[in-house]
């Protein structure tokens, strides 16, 4: 029975171990992106995201009706990143509203809104 070349097997194993974190990171990122496309989360069971609330305020609500959940500009979806080391893969995003989307939010939101000035022009009726 021939002796296996243990050095060659060891080199192959080390090369695989070096490539594996990047492969797993890409698979994890693709999993998150698939969740945006399928609009659900997979845990012990598949849990669909709650339906969009009906917006009764003007044009924006009508335009959002058929749009995917959690996607308006795509910023959150595009911001998913990962870092990897030899034994850890960390997924993260730098979008500030991610935690509220993921965990829910109760509280007061303060918005910074620019002031505006409305002007109206009145014309006098022509005297006959």
Protein backbone atom coordinates (compact mmCIF):
# COMPACT_ATOMS: atom_id res chain seq x y z
CA UNK A 1 0.00 0.00 0.00
CA UNK A 2 1.57 3.34 -1.04
CA UNK A 3 2.31 5.95 1.63
CA UNK A 4 0.34 9.18 1.16
CA UNK A 5 2.34 12.35 0.82
CA UNK A 6 1.43 13.97 4.11
CA UNK A 7 3.24 17.21 3.23
CA UNK A 8 1.11 17.64 0.10
CA UNK A 9 -2.08 16.94 2.06
CA UNK A 10 -1.00 19.40 4.74
CA UNK A 11 -0.34 22.13 2.12
CA UNK A 12 -3.76 21.53 0.56
CA UNK A 13 -5.45 21.74 3.96
CA UNK A 14 -3.66 25.00 4.83
CA UNK A 15 -4.60 26.54 1.47
CA UNK A 16 -8.23 25.55 2.02
CA UNK A 17 -8.22 26.98 5.54
CA UNK A 18 -6.87 30.30 4.19
CA UNK A 19 -9.60 30.49 1.50
CA UNK A 20 -12.47 29.29 3.65
CA UNK A 21 -13.23 32.54 5.61
CA UNK A 22 -13.65 34.52 2.39
CA UNK A 23 -15.91 31.84 0.91
CA UNK A 24 -18.05 31.71 4.06
CA UNK A 25 -18.16 35.54 4.21
CA UNK A 26 -19.40 35.76 0.62
CA UNK A 27 -22.01 33.06 1.27
CA UNK A 28 -23.21 34.92 4.38
CA UNK A 29 -23.45 38.23 2.54
CA UNK A 30 -25.40 36.55 -0.26
CA UNK A 31 -27.75 35.10 2.38
CA UNK A 32 -28.49 38.62 3.68
CA UNK A 33 -29.04 39.94 0.15
CA UNK A 34 -31.39 37.05 -0.60
CA UNK A 35 -33.44 38.03 2.45
CA UNK A 36 -34.03 41.47 0.89
CA UNK A 37 -35.12 39.85 -2.37
CA UNK A 38 -37.39 37.22 -0.79
CA UNK A 39 -38.58 39.59 1.99
CA UNK A 40 -38.33 37.01 4.75
CA UNK A 41 -35.98 35.71 7.40
CA UNK A 42 -34.97 32.11 7.85
CA UNK A 43 -34.53 30.91 11.41
CA UNK A 44 -36.04 27.68 12.67
CA UNK A 45 -38.85 28.49 10.25
CA UNK A 46 -39.25 30.95 7.39
CA UNK A 47 -40.70 34.17 8.79
CA UNK A 48 -42.03 36.65 6.20
CA UNK A 49 -41.50 40.31 6.95
CA UNK A 50 -44.64 42.18 8.06
CA UNK A 51 -46.60 43.92 5.30
CA UNK A 52 -46.05 47.59 4.61
CA UNK A 53 -48.29 49.97 6.52
CA UNK A 54 -50.71 51.90 4.33
CA UNK A 55 -49.60 55.49 3.96
CA UNK A 56 -52.49 57.87 3.53
CA UNK A 57 -50.34 60.96 3.03
CA UNK A 58 -50.10 61.92 -0.60
CA UNK A 59 -48.15 60.74 -3.57
CA UNK A 60 -45.29 58.99 -1.77
CA UNK A 61 -47.63 56.44 -0.21
CA UNK A 62 -49.09 55.48 -3.57
CA UNK A 63 -45.66 55.08 -5.17
CA UNK A 64 -44.44 52.81 -2.37
CA UNK A 65 -47.32 50.35 -2.63
CA UNK A 66 -45.60 47.76 -4.85
CA UNK A 67 -42.04 48.41 -3.76
CA UNK A 68 -40.02 45.87 -1.80
CA UNK A 69 -39.97 46.19 1.99
CA UNK A 70 -36.94 47.88 3.59
CA UNK A 71 -35.82 49.16 0.19
CA UNK A 72 -36.30 52.75 -0.88
CA UNK A 73 -32.89 53.81 -2.08
CA UNK A 74 -31.02 50.51 -1.62
CA UNK A 75 -28.54 52.11 0.81
CA UNK A 76 -29.10 49.52 3.54
CA UNK A 77 -28.81 46.60 1.15
CA UNK A 78 -25.62 47.97 -0.43
CA UNK A 79 -24.02 48.69 2.95
CA UNK A 80 -23.72 45.07 4.12
CA UNK A 81 -20.04 44.24 4.63
CA UNK A 82 -17.97 41.62 6.38
CA UNK A 83 -14.50 41.27 7.82
CA UNK A 84 -12.80 37.99 8.45
CA UNK A 85 -9.88 36.68 10.43
CA UNK A 86 -8.61 33.15 10.85
CA UNK A 87 -11.50 32.06 13.07
CA UNK A 88 -14.12 34.86 12.98
CA UNK A 89 -16.37 36.43 10.36
CA UNK A 90 -18.14 39.65 11.35
CA UNK A 91 -21.00 41.12 9.31
CA UNK A 92 -21.76 44.82 9.75
CA UNK A 93 -23.27 47.94 8.24
CA UNK A 94 -22.67 51.65 8.84
CA UNK A 95 -26.25 52.79 8.15
CA UNK A 96 -27.60 54.50 11.29
CA UNK A 97 -31.21 53.24 11.01
CA UNK A 98 -30.28 49.54 10.74
CA UNK A 99 -30.90 48.76 14.40
CA UNK A 100 -34.38 50.34 14.30
CA UNK A 101 -35.27 48.28 11.21
CA UNK A 102 -33.97 45.08 12.76
CA UNK A 103 -35.08 45.39 16.38
CA UNK A 104 -37.91 47.92 16.20
CA UNK A 105 -37.97 51.39 17.71
CA UNK A 106 -40.04 53.11 20.37
CA UNK A 107 -39.30 56.68 21.25
CA UNK A 108 -39.24 60.18 19.92
CA UNK A 109 -37.54 61.16 16.70
CA UNK A 110 -36.36 64.72 16.24
CA UNK A 111 -36.03 65.85 12.65
CA UNK A 112 -33.99 68.76 11.38
CA UNK A 113 -36.18 70.48 8.81
CA UNK A 114 -35.15 73.59 6.89
CA UNK A 115 -37.51 76.53 7.26
CA UNK A 116 -39.23 77.95 4.21
CA UNK A 117 -41.05 81.10 3.23
CA UNK A 118 -44.23 81.05 1.22
CA UNK A 119 -44.97 84.05 -0.97
CA UNK A 120 -48.17 84.79 -2.79
CA UNK A 121 -48.77 87.38 -5.45
CA UNK A 122 -52.15 89.08 -5.71
CA UNK A 123 -53.26 90.93 -8.79
CA UNK A 124 -55.85 93.68 -8.56
CA UNK A 125 -58.90 93.25 -10.70
CA UNK A 126 -58.92 95.61 -13.69
CA UNK A 127 -61.45 98.45 -13.29
CA UNK A 128 -64.04 98.59 -16.10
